Structure formats: structure tokens, C-alpha cells
């Protein structure tokens, strides 16, 4: 599974390497109990919106919100990548996202289902860096 995850990341990587090292956070998400609509709504109306705002404020460099076909070896449906332009952005990520979440207010959900009912983060990795 490690080789498959590494290959998947290698194939999905689209951010150009600049003179300044970029740092990324990556999550592999499995949709639970056939709740695809709830999961996509949640990520589009919470995760994605926060990252769009973070780009506007200069808190992150970019992000990727990817849908993939799950397999037995890689049973995830969504890959979430947040790219930080430098060490400073990365170091302040918790502070910045806490600020954005507080300013945004309540969590946007499609219905009464809570995130734990429709999605599970199978694997996450912090501090991924570009190879040169």
C-alpha cells in the first residue's frame, strides 16, 4: 500500500517547484456508508471555502481537492492537498485556520449527518516537501 500511495502522490503532484520549498499536508478520505453527496457537500462548503479564503489572505499557496476511484488496495475516494508556500505559512497553519473557522461560523452540512457519519480520514501526512 505504501508503494501505491507514493505512486499516487507522484502522479498527482502538479505544483511546480520554485526556489522556495513548498510544504504540503495531504489527507486520504474514505466516504462512509454511500454518503457521497454529504461528503462532497461538506468538503466543498467547508474545506474548499476555507482554503479559497486562505489563498486570498496569503495563508497558503494553493490546494487540490481530488476525487479518485477507490480500490481494494487504496480504499479512499478523496485526496485533499494543502500547499504552503514556505515554512512561515506552514508554521502558522493552525493559527490561521482557527482564525478562518471562527470568522466563518457554523459548519455547513447537507443534512443532520455529522462528518464522522459520512467520511473517514484513512491516512494523513504532514510536511510533505517537493523533491528537486
Protein backbone atom coordinates (compact mmCIF):
# COMPACT_ATOMS: atom_id res chain seq x y z
CA UNK A 1 0.00 0.00 0.00
CA UNK A 2 2.91 2.37 0.69
CA UNK A 3 4.19 1.94 -2.86
CA UNK A 4 0.72 2.62 -4.24
CA UNK A 5 0.32 5.76 -2.11
CA UNK A 6 3.76 7.01 -3.17
CA UNK A 7 2.94 6.34 -6.83
CA UNK A 8 -0.44 8.09 -6.46
CA UNK A 9 1.21 11.15 -4.93
CA UNK A 10 3.89 11.20 -7.62
CA UNK A 11 1.29 11.09 -10.38
CA UNK A 12 -0.97 13.70 -8.78
CA UNK A 13 1.72 16.25 -7.96
CA UNK A 14 1.13 19.28 -10.18
CA UNK A 15 2.67 22.17 -8.27
CA UNK A 16 5.90 23.45 -9.84
CA UNK A 17 8.91 23.59 -7.58
CA UNK A 18 10.21 27.12 -7.10
CA UNK A 19 13.38 28.36 -5.46
CA UNK A 20 11.42 28.40 -2.21
CA UNK A 21 10.44 24.97 -0.87
CA UNK A 22 6.74 24.31 -0.64
CA UNK A 23 5.33 22.18 2.17
CA UNK A 24 2.12 20.20 1.88
CA UNK A 25 -0.44 18.50 4.09
CA UNK A 26 -2.24 15.55 2.49
CA UNK A 27 -5.30 13.57 3.61
CA UNK A 28 -6.81 10.45 2.05
CA UNK A 29 -10.55 10.31 2.76
CA UNK A 30 -12.91 7.37 2.53
CA UNK A 31 -16.61 8.06 2.08
CA UNK A 32 -18.65 6.08 4.59
CA UNK A 33 -22.00 4.33 4.10
CA UNK A 34 -22.57 5.55 0.50
CA UNK A 35 -22.83 9.16 1.68
CA UNK A 36 -21.01 10.68 -1.30
CA UNK A 37 -23.37 13.66 -1.61
CA UNK A 38 -22.92 14.55 2.08
CA UNK A 39 -19.13 14.18 1.90
CA UNK A 40 -18.77 16.28 -1.24
CA UNK A 41 -21.09 18.96 0.14
CA UNK A 42 -19.09 19.05 3.37
CA UNK A 43 -15.73 19.43 1.63
CA UNK A 44 -16.98 21.91 -0.99
CA UNK A 45 -18.75 24.13 1.57
CA UNK A 46 -16.21 23.96 4.39
CA UNK A 47 -12.74 22.67 3.48
CA UNK A 48 -12.62 24.23 -0.01
CA UNK A 49 -14.13 27.58 1.06
CA UNK A 50 -11.62 27.90 3.90
CA UNK A 51 -8.73 27.26 1.53
CA UNK A 52 -10.00 29.77 -1.02
CA UNK A 53 -10.10 32.36 1.76
CA UNK A 54 -6.66 31.26 2.96
CA UNK A 55 -5.24 31.91 -0.53
CA UNK A 56 -6.81 35.38 -0.59
CA UNK A 57 -5.21 36.18 2.78
CA UNK A 58 -1.82 34.75 1.81
CA UNK A 59 -2.05 31.94 4.38
CA UNK A 60 -1.48 29.13 1.85
CA UNK A 61 -0.05 28.86 -1.65
CA UNK A 62 -2.66 26.55 -3.21
CA UNK A 63 -4.79 23.45 -2.66
CA UNK A 64 -6.11 20.43 -4.53
CA UNK A 65 -9.45 18.71 -3.95
CA UNK A 66 -9.31 15.44 -5.87
CA UNK A 67 -11.78 12.62 -6.40
CA UNK A 68 -10.38 9.17 -7.18
CA UNK A 69 -11.87 5.74 -7.78
CA UNK A 70 -11.26 3.61 -4.67
CA UNK A 71 -9.67 0.18 -4.98
CA UNK A 72 -9.15 -2.66 -2.54
CA UNK A 73 -5.51 -1.62 -2.08
CA UNK A 74 -6.34 2.11 -1.84
CA UNK A 75 -9.89 2.40 -0.45
CA UNK A 76 -10.08 6.20 -0.43
CA UNK A 77 -12.36 8.39 -2.55
CA UNK A 78 -10.97 11.89 -1.96
CA UNK A 79 -7.46 13.31 -1.69
CA UNK A 80 -7.07 16.70 -0.03
CA UNK A 81 -3.81 18.60 -0.50
CA UNK A 82 -2.99 21.95 1.06
CA UNK A 83 0.20 23.55 -0.26
CA UNK A 84 2.06 26.12 1.82
CA UNK A 85 4.44 28.45 0.00
CA UNK A 86 7.06 28.50 2.71
CA UNK A 87 7.94 27.48 6.26
CA UNK A 88 6.23 30.55 7.75
CA UNK A 89 2.85 29.73 6.19
CA UNK A 90 3.20 26.12 7.32
CA UNK A 91 4.21 27.04 10.88
CA UNK A 92 1.17 29.32 11.25
CA UNK A 93 -1.35 26.90 9.68
CA UNK A 94 -3.20 26.07 12.92
CA UNK A 95 -3.41 29.71 13.95
CA UNK A 96 -4.58 30.82 10.52
CA UNK A 97 -7.19 28.10 10.04
CA UNK A 98 -8.51 28.63 13.58
CA UNK A 99 -8.99 32.31 12.70
CA UNK A 100 -10.77 31.45 9.44
CA UNK A 101 -13.02 28.85 11.07
CA UNK A 102 -14.01 31.25 13.83
CA UNK A 103 -14.78 34.02 11.32
CA UNK A 104 -16.78 31.63 9.12
CA UNK A 105 -19.02 30.40 11.91
CA UNK A 106 -21.07 27.23 11.92
CA UNK A 107 -20.11 24.12 10.00
CA UNK A 108 -22.06 23.75 6.74
CA UNK A 109 -23.73 20.33 6.49
CA UNK A 110 -26.10 18.98 3.86
CA UNK A 111 -28.44 17.46 6.45
CA UNK A 112 -28.32 16.27 10.06
CA UNK A 113 -25.47 13.81 9.44
CA UNK A 114 -22.24 14.68 11.20
CA UNK A 115 -18.83 14.34 9.46
CA UNK A 116 -18.00 11.11 11.30
CA UNK A 117 -21.06 9.51 9.74
CA UNK A 118 -20.08 10.15 6.12
CA UNK A 119 -16.29 10.36 5.96
CA UNK A 120 -13.19 8.84 7.49
CA UNK A 121 -9.63 10.09 7.07
CA UNK A 122 -7.72 6.88 6.38
CA UNK A 123 -4.29 8.41 6.21
CA UNK A 124 -2.83 11.86 6.57
CA UNK A 125 0.66 13.17 6.13
CA UNK A 126 2.10 16.49 7.25
CA UNK A 127 5.20 18.20 6.00
CA UNK A 128 5.42 16.64 2.55
CA UNK A 129 8.06 18.52 0.54
CA UNK A 130 8.85 18.75 -3.16
CA UNK A 131 11.75 16.71 -4.46
CA UNK A 132 14.19 18.64 -6.59
